[in-house]
Amino acid sequence: MKGYVLDYINENEINSWSPNKPVFISAQTGMGKNFFIQHVLLRKLHNENVKYESYQEEGKILLLSNRVALNRQGKLQLANLLVDITGDDSYKRQIEKYYTSEGIDKLIIDLGIITVCSYQRLYEDENVQKQNFKYVICDECHFFTSDASFNPFTDEILKIIVKKFHNSTRIYMSATLEDTFNAIISREFTHYNKLKEYNNYDFYCHYYYFQRNFDHINK
């Protein structure tokens, strides 16, 4: 695929997703993976919650990241975005609550419709594991293989995600997804782990690959 994530993954495409078929988004940095999460998926979920009056745990997103649950700027952007999406002034108080050195660096931040959590904290926190989420997003999911040499728990964390959130639509995003795809798909479908080429898995997952463009780099 050419272009940005938003050019191909819209609300109609999201409606075709289900928990029994994981979603993989392979796109380089700057192609709009996080923009899609914030401005399409988050807004869509909020509108559905309002429409069906079902603003409960099943109408929430769990966003997992290896960067200490996103950086300060990312958390602040999410909080401000929720004020814009919901029109709820109470989110301003949440922004003030978290916009401190202590608050913004917490490993878990619950912003109502979206919970931000690090992979490491998920492994340690059974309370998060017991919650129900409609979408579980594994950002920078190459973590499962890139950190495996010095983090002995990466495979255990992946097992937890697949097992505990089997009723959630699981979304794996990375700029280097091909490096970790087989490790993830073998946990998603253990009885198909003899298949090696990820192109053979089209029947079992949604795989979106966006062509890389390095025209902006000078020699």
N, C-alpha and C. Protein backbone atom coordinates (compact mmCIF):
# COMPACT_ATOMS: atom_id res chain seq x y z
N MET A 1 0.83 -1.18 0.00
CA MET A 1 0.00 0.00 0.00
C MET A 1 0.88 1.25 0.00
N LYS A 2 0.46 2.25 -0.73
CA LYS A 2 1.16 3.53 -0.75
C LYS A 2 0.33 4.55 0.03
N GLY A 3 1.02 5.51 0.61
CA GLY A 3 0.31 6.55 1.33
C GLY A 3 0.33 6.33 2.83
N TYR A 4 -0.61 6.99 3.51
CA TYR A 4 -0.66 6.96 4.96
C TYR A 4 -1.67 5.92 5.45
N VAL A 5 -1.52 5.54 6.71
CA VAL A 5 -2.42 4.55 7.30
C VAL A 5 -3.87 4.98 7.15
N LEU A 6 -4.13 6.26 7.36
CA LEU A 6 -5.49 6.79 7.29
C LEU A 6 -6.11 6.64 5.90
N ASP A 7 -5.26 6.52 4.88
CA ASP A 7 -5.78 6.40 3.51
C ASP A 7 -6.44 5.05 3.25
N TYR A 8 -6.10 4.06 4.06
CA TYR A 8 -6.60 2.71 3.81
C TYR A 8 -7.42 2.13 4.96
N ILE A 9 -7.15 2.54 6.15
CA ILE A 9 -7.87 1.98 7.30
C ILE A 9 -8.85 3.02 7.82
N ASN A 10 -10.09 2.90 7.40
CA ASN A 10 -11.14 3.82 7.83
C ASN A 10 -12.14 3.07 8.71
N GLU A 11 -13.24 3.71 9.03
CA GLU A 11 -14.23 3.10 9.93
C GLU A 11 -14.83 1.83 9.34
N ASN A 12 -15.06 1.82 8.04
CA ASN A 12 -15.61 0.61 7.41
C ASN A 12 -14.64 -0.55 7.51
N GLU A 13 -13.36 -0.26 7.37
CA GLU A 13 -12.35 -1.30 7.49
C GLU A 13 -12.29 -1.82 8.93
N ILE A 14 -12.38 -0.91 9.88
CA ILE A 14 -12.36 -1.31 11.29
C ILE A 14 -13.53 -2.23 11.61
N ASN A 15 -14.67 -1.98 11.00
CA ASN A 15 -15.86 -2.80 11.26
C ASN A 15 -15.68 -4.25 10.82
N SER A 16 -14.68 -4.51 9.99
CA SER A 16 -14.43 -5.88 9.54
C SER A 16 -13.52 -6.64 10.51
N TRP A 17 -13.00 -5.95 11.50
CA TRP A 17 -12.10 -6.58 12.47
C TRP A 17 -12.88 -7.34 13.53
N SER A 18 -12.24 -8.35 14.11
CA SER A 18 -12.86 -9.13 15.17
C SER A 18 -11.76 -9.72 16.06
N PRO A 19 -12.08 -10.12 17.29
CA PRO A 19 -11.07 -10.65 18.20
C PRO A 19 -10.37 -11.92 17.72
N ASN A 20 -11.03 -12.69 16.87
CA ASN A 20 -10.43 -13.96 16.44
C ASN A 20 -9.48 -13.79 15.25
N LYS A 21 -9.25 -12.55 14.85
CA LYS A 21 -8.38 -12.29 13.71
C LYS A 21 -7.53 -11.05 14.02
N PRO A 22 -6.30 -11.26 14.53
CA PRO A 22 -5.48 -10.11 14.93
C PRO A 22 -5.16 -9.19 13.76
N VAL A 23 -4.86 -7.94 14.11
CA VAL A 23 -4.58 -6.91 13.11
C VAL A 23 -3.10 -6.53 13.20
N PHE A 24 -2.44 -6.46 12.04
CA PHE A 24 -1.03 -6.07 11.98
C PHE A 24 -0.91 -4.84 11.08
N ILE A 25 -0.26 -3.81 11.59
CA ILE A 25 -0.04 -2.59 10.80
C ILE A 25 1.45 -2.34 10.72
N SER A 26 2.01 -2.53 9.53
CA SER A 26 3.44 -2.34 9.30
C SER A 26 3.65 -1.06 8.51
N ALA A 27 4.15 -0.03 9.18
CA ALA A 27 4.34 1.26 8.53
C ALA A 27 5.49 1.99 9.21
N GLN A 28 6.30 2.66 8.41
CA GLN A 28 7.44 3.36 8.96
C GLN A 28 7.00 4.56 9.79
N THR A 29 7.90 5.07 10.59
CA THR A 29 7.62 6.25 11.41
C THR A 29 7.21 7.41 10.52
N GLY A 30 6.17 8.12 10.92
CA GLY A 30 5.69 9.26 10.16
C GLY A 30 4.57 8.94 9.19
N MET A 31 4.14 7.67 9.15
CA MET A 31 3.07 7.28 8.23
C MET A 31 1.68 7.29 8.90
N GLY A 32 1.62 7.72 10.13
CA GLY A 32 0.32 7.99 10.74
C GLY A 32 -0.29 6.86 11.55
N LYS A 33 0.53 5.96 12.10
CA LYS A 33 -0.04 4.87 12.90
C LYS A 33 -0.75 5.43 14.14
N ASN A 34 -0.06 6.28 14.88
CA ASN A 34 -0.64 6.84 16.09
C ASN A 34 -1.72 7.87 15.78
N PHE A 35 -1.58 8.57 14.68
CA PHE A 35 -2.62 9.51 14.26
C PHE A 35 -3.92 8.76 13.99
N PHE A 36 -3.82 7.60 13.36
CA PHE A 36 -4.99 6.77 13.11
C PHE A 36 -5.65 6.34 14.42
N ILE A 37 -4.85 5.92 15.39
CA ILE A 37 -5.40 5.49 16.68
C ILE A 37 -6.14 6.64 17.35
N GLN A 38 -5.52 7.81 17.36
CA GLN A 38 -6.06 8.95 18.09
C GLN A 38 -7.27 9.57 17.40
N HIS A 39 -7.21 9.68 16.09
CA HIS A 39 -8.22 10.47 15.39
C HIS A 39 -9.27 9.65 14.65
N VAL A 40 -9.07 8.35 14.54
CA VAL A 40 -10.09 7.50 13.90
C VAL A 40 -10.64 6.50 14.91
N LEU A 41 -9.79 5.65 15.43
CA LEU A 41 -10.26 4.59 16.32
C LEU A 41 -10.84 5.16 17.62
N LEU A 42 -10.16 6.11 18.22
CA LEU A 42 -10.62 6.69 19.48
C LEU A 42 -11.95 7.42 19.30
N ARG A 43 -12.07 8.19 18.23
CA ARG A 43 -13.31 8.92 17.98
C ARG A 43 -14.45 7.95 17.65
N LYS A 44 -14.14 6.94 16.87
CA LYS A 44 -15.16 5.95 16.52
C LYS A 44 -15.71 5.27 17.76
N LEU A 45 -14.82 4.87 18.66
CA LEU A 45 -15.24 4.18 19.87
C LEU A 45 -16.07 5.10 20.76
N HIS A 46 -15.66 6.34 20.88
CA HIS A 46 -16.44 7.29 21.69
C HIS A 46 -17.84 7.46 21.12
N ASN A 47 -17.95 7.63 19.80
CA ASN A 47 -19.26 7.81 19.18
C ASN A 47 -20.15 6.59 19.38
N GLU A 48 -19.55 5.39 19.33
CA GLU A 48 -20.33 4.18 19.57
C GLU A 48 -20.81 4.10 21.01
N ASN A 49 -19.95 4.48 21.94
CA ASN A 49 -20.34 4.47 23.36
C ASN A 49 -21.51 5.41 23.61
N VAL A 50 -21.47 6.58 22.98
CA VAL A 50 -22.56 7.55 23.14
C VAL A 50 -23.84 7.02 22.50
N LYS A 51 -23.70 6.46 21.32
CA LYS A 51 -24.87 5.98 20.58
C LYS A 51 -25.57 4.84 21.32
N TYR A 52 -24.79 3.92 21.84
CA TYR A 52 -25.38 2.74 22.48
C TYR A 52 -25.40 2.84 24.00
N GLU A 53 -24.98 4.02 24.50
CA GLU A 53 -24.98 4.26 25.95
C GLU A 53 -24.28 3.12 26.68
N SER A 54 -23.13 2.73 26.15
CA SER A 54 -22.43 1.58 26.72
C SER A 54 -21.01 1.95 27.13
N TYR A 55 -20.88 3.11 27.77
CA TYR A 55 -19.55 3.56 28.18
C TYR A 55 -19.09 2.76 29.39
N GLN A 56 -18.78 1.51 29.13
CA GLN A 56 -18.30 0.61 30.16
C GLN A 56 -16.93 0.08 29.75
N GLU A 57 -16.43 -0.91 30.48
CA GLU A 57 -15.11 -1.43 30.17
C GLU A 57 -15.01 -1.98 28.75
N GLU A 58 -16.11 -2.57 28.25
CA GLU A 58 -16.03 -3.16 26.92
C GLU A 58 -15.89 -2.11 25.84
N GLY A 59 -16.14 -0.84 26.18
CA GLY A 59 -16.00 0.25 25.22
C GLY A 59 -14.73 1.05 25.45
N LYS A 60 -13.64 0.35 25.76
CA LYS A 60 -12.39 1.04 26.08
C LYS A 60 -11.23 0.49 25.24
N ILE A 61 -10.14 1.25 25.25
CA ILE A 61 -8.91 0.88 24.55
C ILE A 61 -7.79 0.73 25.56
N LEU A 62 -6.99 -0.32 25.40
CA LEU A 62 -5.75 -0.46 26.15
C LEU A 62 -4.60 -0.22 25.19
N LEU A 63 -3.81 0.80 25.48
CA LEU A 63 -2.67 1.15 24.64
C LEU A 63 -1.39 0.76 25.36
N LEU A 64 -0.68 -0.21 24.80
CA LEU A 64 0.55 -0.73 25.40
C LEU A 64 1.76 -0.19 24.65
N SER A 65 2.77 0.20 25.40
CA SER A 65 3.98 0.74 24.78
C SER A 65 5.19 0.36 25.61
N ASN A 66 6.33 0.27 24.94
CA ASN A 66 7.58 -0.03 25.63
C ASN A 66 8.31 1.24 26.05
N ARG A 67 7.78 2.38 25.72
CA ARG A 67 8.45 3.65 26.02
C ARG A 67 7.91 4.24 27.32
N VAL A 68 7.95 3.44 28.37
CA VAL A 68 7.39 3.82 29.67
C VAL A 68 5.99 4.40 29.47
N ALA A 69 5.19 3.58 28.78
CA ALA A 69 3.79 3.94 28.54
C ALA A 69 3.64 5.28 27.85
N LEU A 70 4.39 5.47 26.82
CA LEU A 70 4.40 6.68 26.00
C LEU A 70 5.15 7.81 26.72
N ASN A 71 5.60 8.78 25.96
CA ASN A 71 6.31 9.88 26.56
C ASN A 71 5.34 10.94 27.07
N ARG A 72 5.87 11.92 27.74
CA ARG A 72 5.02 12.96 28.34
C ARG A 72 4.16 13.67 27.30
N GLN A 73 4.78 13.99 26.18
CA GLN A 73 4.04 14.71 25.14
C GLN A 73 2.88 13.88 24.62
N GLY A 74 3.11 12.57 24.44
CA GLY A 74 2.06 11.70 23.93
C GLY A 74 0.88 11.62 24.89
N LYS A 75 1.16 11.53 26.18
CA LYS A 75 0.09 11.46 27.18
C LYS A 75 -0.71 12.76 27.20
N LEU A 76 0.00 13.87 27.15
CA LEU A 76 -0.69 15.16 27.18
C LEU A 76 -1.55 15.34 25.94
N GLN A 77 -1.06 14.89 24.78
CA GLN A 77 -1.85 14.97 23.55
C GLN A 77 -3.14 14.16 23.67
N LEU A 78 -3.03 12.96 24.26
CA LEU A 78 -4.21 12.12 24.44
C LEU A 78 -5.24 12.80 25.34
N ALA A 79 -4.77 13.37 26.45
CA ALA A 79 -5.68 14.02 27.39
C ALA A 79 -6.40 15.20 26.73
N ASN A 80 -5.66 16.02 26.00
CA ASN A 80 -6.27 17.16 25.31
C ASN A 80 -7.21 16.70 24.21
N LEU A 81 -6.84 15.63 23.52
CA LEU A 81 -7.68 15.11 22.45
C LEU A 81 -9.02 14.63 23.00
N LEU A 82 -9.00 14.00 24.17
CA LEU A 82 -10.24 13.51 24.77
C LEU A 82 -11.18 14.65 25.13
N VAL A 83 -10.63 15.78 25.53
CA VAL A 83 -11.47 16.96 25.79
C VAL A 83 -12.17 17.37 24.50
N ASP A 84 -11.43 17.35 23.40
CA ASP A 84 -11.99 17.73 22.11
C ASP A 84 -13.03 16.72 21.63
N ILE A 85 -12.74 15.42 21.79
CA ILE A 85 -13.63 14.38 21.30
C ILE A 85 -14.93 14.33 22.09
N THR A 86 -14.81 14.36 23.41
CA THR A 86 -15.98 14.14 24.27
C THR A 86 -16.73 15.41 24.59
N GLY A 87 -16.05 16.55 24.52
CA GLY A 87 -16.68 17.79 24.95
C GLY A 87 -16.88 17.85 26.45
N ASP A 88 -16.21 16.96 27.16
CA ASP A 88 -16.36 16.84 28.61
C ASP A 88 -15.26 17.64 29.30
N ASP A 89 -15.66 18.71 29.99
CA ASP A 89 -14.69 19.56 30.65
C ASP A 89 -13.97 18.86 31.79
N SER A 90 -14.51 17.74 32.27
CA SER A 90 -13.86 17.05 33.38
C SER A 90 -12.49 16.51 32.97
N TYR A 91 -12.29 16.32 31.65
CA TYR A 91 -10.99 15.87 31.20
C TYR A 91 -9.92 16.92 31.42
N LYS A 92 -10.33 18.19 31.52
CA LYS A 92 -9.36 19.24 31.82
C LYS A 92 -8.76 19.02 33.20
N ARG A 93 -9.58 18.55 34.12
CA ARG A 93 -9.06 18.25 35.46
C ARG A 93 -8.10 17.07 35.41
N GLN A 94 -8.40 16.11 34.53
CA GLN A 94 -7.49 14.99 34.39
C GLN A 94 -6.15 15.44 33.82
N ILE A 95 -6.19 16.39 32.88
CA ILE A 95 -4.96 16.93 32.33
C ILE A 95 -4.14 17.58 33.43
N GLU A 96 -4.80 18.39 34.26
CA GLU A 96 -4.11 19.05 35.35
C GLU A 96 -3.56 18.03 36.34
N LYS A 97 -4.32 16.96 36.55
CA LYS A 97 -3.91 15.92 37.49
C LYS A 97 -2.65 15.22 37.02
N TYR A 98 -2.58 14.93 35.73
CA TYR A 98 -1.47 14.15 35.21
C TYR A 98 -0.31 15.01 34.72
N TYR A 99 -0.57 16.31 34.51
CA TYR A 99 0.49 17.15 33.97
C TYR A 99 1.42 17.63 35.09
N THR A 100 2.01 16.66 35.74
CA THR A 100 3.04 16.89 36.74
C THR A 100 4.13 15.86 36.49
N SER A 101 5.31 16.12 37.03
CA SER A 101 6.41 15.17 36.83
C SER A 101 6.04 13.79 37.33
N GLU A 102 5.37 13.74 38.48
CA GLU A 102 5.00 12.45 39.05
C GLU A 102 3.86 11.81 38.27
N GLY A 103 2.86 12.60 37.95
CA GLY A 103 1.68 12.05 37.29
C GLY A 103 1.93 11.60 35.87
N ILE A 104 2.66 12.39 35.12
CA ILE A 104 2.84 12.10 33.70
C ILE A 104 3.75 10.91 33.47
N ASP A 105 4.56 10.55 34.47
CA ASP A 105 5.50 9.45 34.32
C ASP A 105 4.98 8.15 34.90
N LYS A 106 3.75 8.13 35.38
CA LYS A 106 3.19 6.89 35.92
C LYS A 106 3.13 5.83 34.82
N LEU A 107 3.30 4.59 35.22
CA LEU A 107 3.30 3.50 34.24
C LEU A 107 1.90 3.19 33.74
N ILE A 108 0.89 3.59 34.49
CA ILE A 108 -0.49 3.41 34.05
C ILE A 108 -1.22 4.74 34.18
N ILE A 109 -1.89 5.13 33.13
CA ILE A 109 -2.74 6.31 33.19
C ILE A 109 -4.10 5.95 32.59
N ASP A 110 -5.14 6.11 33.38
CA ASP A 110 -6.50 5.80 32.95
C ASP A 110 -7.19 7.10 32.57
N LEU A 111 -7.45 7.26 31.28
CA LEU A 111 -8.11 8.46 30.78
C LEU A 111 -9.53 8.15 30.34
N GLY A 112 -10.19 7.28 31.10
CA GLY A 112 -11.58 6.97 30.80
C GLY A 112 -11.72 5.99 29.66
N ILE A 113 -11.80 6.49 28.46
CA ILE A 113 -12.01 5.64 27.30
C ILE A 113 -10.74 4.91 26.90
N ILE A 114 -9.58 5.39 27.34
CA ILE A 114 -8.31 4.77 26.97
C ILE A 114 -7.40 4.66 28.19
N THR A 115 -6.80 3.50 28.34
CA THR A 115 -5.82 3.26 29.39
C THR A 115 -4.45 3.08 28.76
N VAL A 116 -3.47 3.82 29.25
CA VAL A 116 -2.11 3.76 28.74
C VAL A 116 -1.25 3.00 29.73
N CYS A 117 -0.53 2.00 29.25
CA CYS A 117 0.20 1.12 30.15
C CYS A 117 1.46 0.61 29.45
N SER A 118 2.53 0.41 30.20
CA SER A 118 3.74 -0.17 29.63
C SER A 118 3.61 -1.69 29.59
N TYR A 119 4.36 -2.31 28.70
CA TYR A 119 4.37 -3.78 28.64
C TYR A 119 4.82 -4.36 29.98
N GLN A 120 5.83 -3.74 30.56
CA GLN A 120 6.36 -4.26 31.82
C GLN A 120 5.32 -4.20 32.93
N ARG A 121 4.59 -3.10 32.98
CA ARG A 121 3.59 -2.96 34.05
C ARG A 121 2.44 -3.94 33.83
N LEU A 122 2.06 -4.18 32.60
CA LEU A 122 1.01 -5.16 32.31
C LEU A 122 1.39 -6.51 32.88
N TYR A 123 2.65 -6.89 32.72
CA TYR A 123 3.13 -8.18 33.22
C TYR A 123 2.97 -8.29 34.73
N GLU A 124 3.11 -7.17 35.42
CA GLU A 124 3.09 -7.17 36.88
C GLU A 124 1.71 -6.90 37.47
N ASP A 125 0.82 -6.31 36.71
CA ASP A 125 -0.45 -5.81 37.25
C ASP A 125 -1.63 -6.68 36.82
N GLU A 126 -2.12 -7.51 37.72
CA GLU A 126 -3.25 -8.38 37.40
C GLU A 126 -4.55 -7.60 37.26
N ASN A 127 -4.64 -6.44 37.88
CA ASN A 127 -5.86 -5.63 37.76
C ASN A 127 -6.10 -5.20 36.32
N VAL A 128 -5.03 -4.84 35.63
CA VAL A 128 -5.16 -4.48 34.21
C VAL A 128 -5.49 -5.71 33.39
N GLN A 129 -4.86 -6.83 33.70
CA GLN A 129 -5.10 -8.07 32.98
C GLN A 129 -6.55 -8.54 33.08
N LYS A 130 -7.21 -8.20 34.17
CA LYS A 130 -8.58 -8.66 34.39
C LYS A 130 -9.63 -7.77 33.74
N GLN A 131 -9.22 -6.61 33.26
CA GLN A 131 -10.18 -5.69 32.65
C GLN A 131 -10.57 -6.15 31.25
N ASN A 132 -11.71 -5.66 30.81
CA ASN A 132 -12.19 -5.95 29.46
C ASN A 132 -12.00 -4.72 28.58
N PHE A 133 -11.37 -4.92 27.45
CA PHE A 133 -11.15 -3.84 26.49
C PHE A 133 -11.66 -4.27 25.12
N LYS A 134 -12.20 -3.33 24.39
CA LYS A 134 -12.64 -3.66 23.03
C LYS A 134 -11.43 -3.77 22.09
N TYR A 135 -10.45 -2.89 22.30
CA TYR A 135 -9.24 -2.92 21.48
C TYR A 135 -8.01 -2.93 22.39
N VAL A 136 -7.06 -3.78 22.08
CA VAL A 136 -5.76 -3.78 22.75
C VAL A 136 -4.70 -3.50 21.69
N ILE A 137 -4.01 -2.37 21.85
CA ILE A 137 -3.05 -1.92 20.85
C ILE A 137 -1.64 -2.14 21.37
N CYS A 138 -0.87 -2.92 20.64
CA CYS A 138 0.54 -3.17 20.98
C CYS A 138 1.40 -2.28 20.10
N ASP A 139 1.76 -1.12 20.63
CA ASP A 139 2.58 -0.17 19.88
C ASP A 139 4.04 -0.61 19.94
N GLU A 140 4.78 -0.34 18.86
CA GLU A 140 6.19 -0.73 18.79
C GLU A 140 6.34 -2.21 19.19
N CYS A 141 5.54 -3.07 18.57
CA CYS A 141 5.45 -4.46 18.99
C CYS A 141 6.71 -5.27 18.68
N HIS A 142 7.67 -4.70 17.96
CA HIS A 142 8.95 -5.40 17.78
C HIS A 142 9.65 -5.61 19.12
N PHE A 143 9.11 -4.96 20.15
CA PHE A 143 9.59 -5.15 21.52
C PHE A 143 9.69 -6.63 21.88
N PHE A 144 8.75 -7.44 21.39
CA PHE A 144 8.71 -8.85 21.78
C PHE A 144 9.95 -9.62 21.34
N THR A 145 10.60 -9.16 20.29
CA THR A 145 11.84 -9.83 19.85
C THR A 145 13.07 -8.97 20.09
N SER A 146 12.97 -7.66 19.88
CA SER A 146 14.14 -6.80 20.02
C SER A 146 14.66 -6.76 21.45
N ASP A 147 13.75 -6.88 22.43
CA ASP A 147 14.16 -6.82 23.84
C ASP A 147 14.37 -8.19 24.45
N ALA A 148 14.15 -9.24 23.67
CA ALA A 148 14.19 -10.59 24.23
C ALA A 148 15.58 -10.98 24.74
N SER A 149 16.63 -10.40 24.17
CA SER A 149 17.98 -10.78 24.57
C SER A 149 18.33 -10.32 25.98
N PHE A 150 17.67 -9.27 26.46
CA PHE A 150 17.97 -8.78 27.81
C PHE A 150 16.74 -8.72 28.72
N ASN A 151 15.57 -9.02 28.16
CA ASN A 151 14.34 -9.05 28.96
C ASN A 151 13.76 -10.46 28.86
N PRO A 152 13.85 -11.26 29.92
CA PRO A 152 13.41 -12.66 29.84
C PRO A 152 11.89 -12.83 29.83
N PHE A 153 11.14 -11.72 29.94
CA PHE A 153 9.70 -11.82 30.09
C PHE A 153 8.92 -11.41 28.85
N THR A 154 9.61 -11.10 27.75
CA THR A 154 8.89 -10.62 26.57
C THR A 154 7.90 -11.66 26.04
N ASP A 155 8.30 -12.92 26.01
CA ASP A 155 7.39 -13.96 25.52
C ASP A 155 6.23 -14.17 26.49
N GLU A 156 6.50 -14.05 27.78
CA GLU A 156 5.43 -14.19 28.78
C GLU A 156 4.43 -13.06 28.65
N ILE A 157 4.91 -11.87 28.36
CA ILE A 157 4.01 -10.72 28.17
C ILE A 157 3.12 -10.95 26.96
N LEU A 158 3.70 -11.45 25.88
CA LEU A 158 2.92 -11.74 24.68
C LEU A 158 1.86 -12.80 24.97
N LYS A 159 2.22 -13.82 25.71
CA LYS A 159 1.25 -14.86 26.08
C LYS A 159 0.10 -14.27 26.87
N ILE A 160 0.40 -13.35 27.78
CA ILE A 160 -0.64 -12.71 28.59
C ILE A 160 -1.60 -11.94 27.70
N ILE A 161 -1.05 -11.19 26.74
CA ILE A 161 -1.89 -10.39 25.84
C ILE A 161 -2.85 -11.27 25.06
N VAL A 162 -2.33 -12.36 24.51
CA VAL A 162 -3.16 -13.25 23.70
C VAL A 162 -4.20 -13.98 24.54
N LYS A 163 -3.79 -14.43 25.72
CA LYS A 163 -4.68 -15.22 26.58
C LYS A 163 -5.71 -14.36 27.31
N LYS A 164 -5.24 -13.31 27.97
CA LYS A 164 -6.13 -12.49 28.80
C LYS A 164 -7.08 -11.64 27.98
N PHE A 165 -6.66 -11.25 26.79
CA PHE A 165 -7.47 -10.36 25.96
C PHE A 165 -7.95 -11.06 24.69
N HIS A 166 -8.32 -12.33 24.83
CA HIS A 166 -8.78 -13.08 23.66
C HIS A 166 -10.12 -12.57 23.13
N ASN A 167 -10.84 -11.83 23.97
CA ASN A 167 -12.12 -11.25 23.53
C ASN A 167 -11.95 -9.83 22.99
N SER A 168 -10.73 -9.36 22.94
CA SER A 168 -10.44 -8.01 22.43
C SER A 168 -9.86 -8.11 21.02
N THR A 169 -10.07 -7.07 20.23
CA THR A 169 -9.38 -7.00 18.94
C THR A 169 -7.96 -6.53 19.21
N ARG A 170 -6.99 -7.36 18.90
CA ARG A 170 -5.59 -7.07 19.20
C ARG A 170 -4.92 -6.48 17.96
N ILE A 171 -4.31 -5.32 18.14
CA ILE A 171 -3.69 -4.59 17.04
C ILE A 171 -2.20 -4.46 17.31
N TYR A 172 -1.39 -4.97 16.40
CA TYR A 172 0.06 -4.93 16.55
C TYR A 172 0.63 -3.94 15.53
N MET A 173 1.40 -2.95 16.01
CA MET A 173 1.92 -1.91 15.13
C MET A 173 3.44 -1.81 15.27
N SER A 174 4.12 -1.64 14.14
CA SER A 174 5.57 -1.46 14.18
C SER A 174 6.08 -1.01 12.82
N ALA A 175 7.23 -0.35 12.83
CA ALA A 175 7.90 0.00 11.58
C ALA A 175 8.74 -1.17 11.09
N THR A 176 9.01 -2.13 11.97
CA THR A 176 9.81 -3.31 11.61
C THR A 176 9.05 -4.57 11.99
N LEU A 177 7.83 -4.64 11.56
CA LEU A 177 6.94 -5.73 11.94
C LEU A 177 7.43 -7.08 11.42
N GLU A 178 8.09 -7.08 10.28
CA GLU A 178 8.54 -8.35 9.70
C GLU A 178 9.53 -9.06 10.62
N ASP A 179 10.20 -8.31 11.48
CA ASP A 179 11.18 -8.91 12.39
C ASP A 179 10.53 -9.69 13.53
N THR A 180 9.28 -9.40 13.80
CA THR A 180 8.64 -10.02 14.96
C THR A 180 7.33 -10.72 14.63
N PHE A 181 6.93 -10.67 13.36
CA PHE A 181 5.63 -11.22 12.98
C PHE A 181 5.49 -12.69 13.35
N ASN A 182 6.47 -13.49 12.98
CA ASN A 182 6.36 -14.94 13.23
C ASN A 182 6.25 -15.26 14.71
N ALA A 183 6.97 -14.51 15.54
CA ALA A 183 6.89 -14.73 16.98
C ALA A 183 5.48 -14.44 17.50
N ILE A 184 4.87 -13.39 16.98
CA ILE A 184 3.52 -13.03 17.43
C ILE A 184 2.48 -14.01 16.90
N ILE A 185 2.55 -14.31 15.61
CA ILE A 185 1.53 -15.17 15.01
C ILE A 185 1.60 -16.58 15.58
N SER A 186 2.78 -17.02 15.99
CA SER A 186 2.89 -18.36 16.56
C SER A 186 2.25 -18.43 17.94
N ARG A 187 2.15 -17.28 18.62
CA ARG A 187 1.42 -17.24 19.89
C ARG A 187 -0.07 -17.06 19.66
N GLU A 188 -0.42 -16.33 18.63
CA GLU A 188 -1.84 -16.14 18.31
C GLU A 188 -2.47 -17.44 17.84
N PHE A 189 -1.73 -18.21 17.05
CA PHE A 189 -2.23 -19.47 16.50
C PHE A 189 -1.18 -20.55 16.70
N THR A 190 -1.10 -21.10 17.88
CA THR A 190 -0.04 -22.06 18.20
C THR A 190 -0.09 -23.30 17.32
N HIS A 191 -1.30 -23.69 16.86
CA HIS A 191 -1.40 -24.90 16.05
C HIS A 191 -1.01 -24.65 14.60
N TYR A 192 -0.67 -23.40 14.25
CA TYR A 192 -0.20 -23.11 12.90
C TYR A 192 1.26 -22.67 12.91
N ASN A 193 1.97 -22.95 13.98
CA ASN A 193 3.31 -22.40 14.11
C ASN A 193 4.34 -23.03 13.17
N LYS A 194 3.95 -24.03 12.39
CA LYS A 194 4.89 -24.61 11.43
C LYS A 194 4.96 -23.77 10.15
N LEU A 195 4.00 -22.91 9.96
CA LEU A 195 4.03 -22.03 8.79
C LEU A 195 5.05 -20.92 9.03
N LYS A 196 5.89 -20.66 8.05
CA LYS A 196 6.99 -19.72 8.25
C LYS A 196 6.78 -18.37 7.58
N GLU A 197 6.13 -18.38 6.44
CA GLU A 197 6.00 -17.13 5.69
C GLU A 197 4.71 -16.43 6.09
N TYR A 198 4.83 -15.17 6.50
CA TYR A 198 3.64 -14.48 7.00
C TYR A 198 2.59 -14.25 5.92
N ASN A 199 2.96 -14.32 4.65
CA ASN A 199 1.97 -14.18 3.59
C ASN A 199 0.95 -15.31 3.62
N ASN A 200 1.29 -16.43 4.23
CA ASN A 200 0.37 -17.56 4.31
C ASN A 200 -0.71 -17.36 5.36
N TYR A 201 -0.59 -16.31 6.13
CA TYR A 201 -1.50 -16.10 7.24
C TYR A 201 -2.65 -15.15 6.91
N ASP A 202 -2.79 -14.79 5.65
CA ASP A 202 -3.83 -13.83 5.28
C ASP A 202 -5.22 -14.27 5.74
N PHE A 203 -5.44 -15.56 5.77
CA PHE A 203 -6.75 -16.07 6.18
C PHE A 203 -6.98 -15.87 7.67
N TYR A 204 -5.89 -15.76 8.43
CA TYR A 204 -6.00 -15.73 9.89
C TYR A 204 -5.81 -14.35 10.50
N CYS A 205 -5.39 -13.38 9.71
CA CYS A 205 -5.16 -12.05 10.28
C CYS A 205 -5.38 -10.98 9.22
N HIS A 206 -5.52 -9.74 9.70
CA HIS A 206 -5.52 -8.57 8.81
C HIS A 206 -4.10 -8.01 8.81
N TYR A 207 -3.48 -8.00 7.65
CA TYR A 207 -2.09 -7.53 7.57
C TYR A 207 -2.03 -6.34 6.61
N TYR A 208 -1.65 -5.18 7.13
CA TYR A 208 -1.55 -3.97 6.33
C TYR A 208 -0.08 -3.55 6.24
N TYR A 209 0.45 -3.63 5.05
CA TYR A 209 1.85 -3.25 4.84
C TYR A 209 1.89 -1.98 3.98
N PHE A 210 2.54 -0.95 4.51
CA PHE A 210 2.65 0.32 3.79
C PHE A 210 4.06 0.49 3.27
N GLN A 211 4.16 0.76 1.98
CA GLN A 211 5.46 0.88 1.34
C GLN A 211 6.29 1.97 2.00
N ARG A 212 7.58 1.69 2.14
CA ARG A 212 8.50 2.66 2.73
C ARG A 212 8.90 3.71 1.69
N ASN A 213 9.05 4.92 2.17
CA ASN A 213 9.43 6.03 1.29
C ASN A 213 10.54 6.82 1.98
N PHE A 214 11.70 6.83 1.36
CA PHE A 214 12.85 7.53 1.94
C PHE A 214 13.30 8.69 1.06
N ASP A 215 12.36 9.22 0.27
CA ASP A 215 12.72 10.32 -0.63
C ASP A 215 13.15 11.57 0.14
N HIS A 216 12.71 11.68 1.39
CA HIS A 216 13.03 12.88 2.16
C HIS A 216 14.46 12.85 2.72
N ILE A 217 15.16 11.72 2.52
CA ILE A 217 16.52 11.60 3.06
C ILE A 217 17.52 11.98 1.98
N ASN A 218 18.42 12.90 2.34
CA ASN A 218 19.49 13.30 1.41
C ASN A 218 20.70 12.39 1.57
N LYS A 219 21.46 12.25 0.50
CA LYS A 219 22.69 11.45 0.58
C LYS A 219 23.68 12.13 1.52
